[in-house]
C-alpha atoms as a PDB file:
ATOM      1  CA  MET A   1      12.884 -35.867 -20.640  1.00  0.00           C
ATOM      2  CA  PRO A   2      14.344 -33.836 -17.727  1.00  0.00           C
ATOM      3  CA  ASN A   3      17.768 -32.315 -17.970  1.00  0.00           C
ATOM      4  CA  PRO A   4      20.578 -33.655 -15.877  1.00  0.00           C
ATOM      5  CA  PHE A   5      20.288 -31.091 -13.257  1.00  0.00           C
ATOM      6  CA  GLN A   6      16.761 -31.721 -12.750  1.00  0.00           C
ATOM      7  CA  SER A   7      17.339 -35.443 -12.684  1.00  0.00           C
ATOM      8  CA  LEU A   8      19.961 -34.659  -9.984  1.00  0.00           C
ATOM      9  CA  PHE A   9      17.381 -32.763  -7.841  1.00  0.00           C
ATOM     10  CA  ALA A  10      14.984 -35.666  -8.336  1.00  0.00           C
ATOM     11  CA  ALA A  11      17.483 -38.128  -7.037  1.00  0.00           C
ATOM     12  CA  ILE A  12      18.401 -36.063  -4.077  1.00  0.00           C
ATOM     13  CA  LEU A  13      14.842 -35.636  -3.174  1.00  0.00           C
ATOM     14  CA  ASP A  14      14.129 -39.549  -3.551  1.00  0.00           C
ATOM     15  CA  ASP A  15      17.293 -40.030  -1.497  1.00  0.00           C
ATOM     16  CA  ASP A  16      18.565 -42.074  -4.486  1.00  0.00           C
ATOM     17  CA  ARG A  17      22.291 -42.219  -3.812  1.00  0.00           C
ATOM     18  CA  ALA A  18      23.203 -44.580  -6.533  1.00  0.00           C
ATOM     19  CA  LYS A  19      21.445 -42.234  -9.100  1.00  0.00           C
ATOM     20  CA  VAL A  20      23.312 -39.195  -7.659  1.00  0.00           C
ATOM     21  CA  LYS A  21      26.626 -40.863  -7.832  1.00  0.00           C
ATOM     22  CA  GLU A  22      25.837 -41.942 -11.586  1.00  0.00           C
ATOM     23  CA  LEU A  23      24.909 -38.352 -12.338  1.00  0.00           C
ATOM     24  CA  LEU A  24      27.850 -36.776 -10.725  1.00  0.00           C
ATOM     25  CA  LYS A  25      30.122 -39.217 -12.536  1.00  0.00           C
ATOM     26  CA  ILE A  26      28.726 -38.167 -15.976  1.00  0.00           C
ATOM     27  CA  ASP A  27      29.015 -34.478 -15.070  1.00  0.00           C
ATOM     28  CA  PRO A  28      30.807 -33.516 -11.781  1.00  0.00           C
ATOM     29  CA  GLY A  29      29.735 -29.786 -12.664  1.00  0.00           C
ATOM     30  CA  LEU A  30      26.378 -30.697 -11.709  1.00  0.00           C
ATOM     31  CA  ALA A  31      27.369 -30.186  -8.017  1.00  0.00           C
ATOM     32  CA  GLN A  32      28.136 -26.615  -8.692  1.00  0.00           C
ATOM     33  CA  ARG A  33      25.106 -25.421 -10.618  1.00  0.00           C
ATOM     34  CA  GLY A  34      21.943 -23.628  -9.527  1.00  0.00           C
ATOM     35  CA  ALA A  35      18.389 -23.843 -10.085  1.00  0.00           C
ATOM     36  CA  GLU A  36      17.893 -21.975 -13.399  1.00  0.00           C
ATOM     37  CA  LYS A  37      14.112 -20.779 -13.558  1.00  0.00           C
ATOM     38  CA  ASP A  38      12.768 -17.847 -11.817  1.00  0.00           C
ATOM     39  CA  GLY A  39      10.320 -18.413  -9.035  1.00  0.00           C
ATOM     40  CA  SER A  40      10.385 -21.323  -6.551  1.00  0.00           C
ATOM     41  CA  TYR A  41       9.694 -25.047  -6.852  1.00  0.00           C
ATOM     42  CA  GLU A  42       7.654 -27.213  -4.552  1.00  0.00           C
ATOM     43  CA  SER A  43       9.622 -30.189  -3.446  1.00  0.00           C
ATOM     44  CA  ARG A  44       8.868 -33.310  -1.394  1.00  0.00           C
ATOM     45  CA  ILE A  45      10.897 -32.024   1.401  1.00  0.00           C
ATOM     46  CA  ALA A  46       9.977 -29.230   3.911  1.00  0.00           C
ATOM     47  CA  HIS A  47      11.663 -26.678   1.867  1.00  0.00           C
ATOM     48  CA  TRP A  48      10.905 -24.483  -0.998  1.00  0.00           C
ATOM     49  CA  ILE A  49      13.734 -24.556  -3.749  1.00  0.00           C
ATOM     50  CA  TYR A  50      14.438 -21.186  -5.137  1.00  0.00           C
ATOM     51  CA  SER A  51      15.988 -20.016  -8.446  1.00  0.00           C
ATOM     52  CA  GLY A  52      19.862 -20.100  -7.667  1.00  0.00           C
ATOM     53  CA  ASP A  53      19.598 -22.858  -5.055  1.00  0.00           C
ATOM     54  CA  THR A  54      22.145 -25.661  -5.616  1.00  0.00           C
ATOM     55  CA  ALA A  55      22.196 -29.316  -5.229  1.00  0.00           C
ATOM     56  CA  LEU A  56      23.808 -28.807  -1.856  1.00  0.00           C
ATOM     57  CA  HIS A  57      20.699 -26.498  -0.723  1.00  0.00           C
ATOM     58  CA  VAL A  58      18.419 -29.407  -1.532  1.00  0.00           C
ATOM     59  CA  ALA A  59      20.463 -32.099   0.138  1.00  0.00           C
ATOM     60  CA  ALA A  60      21.022 -30.114   3.276  1.00  0.00           C
ATOM     61  CA  ALA A  61      17.398 -29.093   3.507  1.00  0.00           C
ATOM     62  CA  GLY A  62      16.289 -32.586   2.979  1.00  0.00           C
ATOM     63  CA  TYR A  63      18.885 -33.973   5.522  1.00  0.00           C
ATOM     64  CA  ARG A  64      20.623 -36.065   2.904  1.00  0.00           C
ATOM     65  CA  VAL A  65      23.991 -36.352   4.634  1.00  0.00           C
ATOM     66  CA  GLU A  66      25.473 -38.856   2.348  1.00  0.00           C
ATOM     67  CA  ILE A  67      24.478 -37.082  -0.692  1.00  0.00           C
ATOM     68  CA  ALA A  68      25.585 -33.799   0.534  1.00  0.00           C
ATOM     69  CA  ARG A  69      28.961 -35.517   1.096  1.00  0.00           C
ATOM     70  CA  MET A  70      29.060 -36.785  -2.489  1.00  0.00           C
ATOM     71  CA  LEU A  71      28.294 -33.295  -3.686  1.00  0.00           C
ATOM     72  CA  LEU A  72      31.143 -31.816  -1.706  1.00  0.00           C
ATOM     73  CA  ALA A  73      33.520 -34.279  -2.922  1.00  0.00           C
ATOM     74  CA  SER A  74      32.385 -33.395  -6.447  1.00  0.00           C
ATOM     75  CA  GLY A  75      32.985 -29.790  -5.880  1.00  0.00           C
ATOM     76  CA  ALA A  76      30.163 -28.237  -4.535  1.00  0.00           C
ATOM     77  CA  ASP A  77      30.790 -24.875  -2.937  1.00  0.00           C
ATOM     78  CA  SER A  78      30.480 -25.266   1.020  1.00  0.00           C
ATOM     79  CA  GLY A  79      30.141 -21.589   1.547  1.00  0.00           C
ATOM     80  CA  TRP A  80      26.706 -21.016  -0.384  1.00  0.00           C
ATOM     81  CA  ALA A  81      25.228 -19.747   2.918  1.00  0.00           C
ATOM     82  CA  CYS A  82      27.580 -16.718   2.698  1.00  0.00           C
ATOM     83  CA  ARG A  83      25.535 -15.258  -0.224  1.00  0.00           C
ATOM     84  CA  PHE A  84      22.699 -14.452   2.219  1.00  0.00           C
ATOM     85  CA  PRO A  85      22.936 -11.343   4.612  1.00  0.00           C
ATOM     86  CA  ALA A  86      22.984 -12.027   8.306  1.00  0.00           C
END
C-alpha cells in the first residue's frame, strides 16, 4: 500500500481533486514534503519528478491549477523555485 505522500502524488497526476482534498485534510503537512527517494520518477505528465520535488512541483508541471491552489492553502511553500540557481 502506498504511503500518504505517494498517494498525494498519484492523486495529483490523476487530477483527482477530491482525493487531494481528502489527503490534505488528514495530513496538511503533505503539502510541504518532498519526494524522498534518490533519483527520478517517471510520471504521467511531461515532467520528471526528482528527489526533493514537492507536490506543488508536480501540480505546477501538470497544469493542475486547482490542486496547486489547494496545496498553497495547506501551506505549500510558493518559494520552491528559489532553490535553483538562475
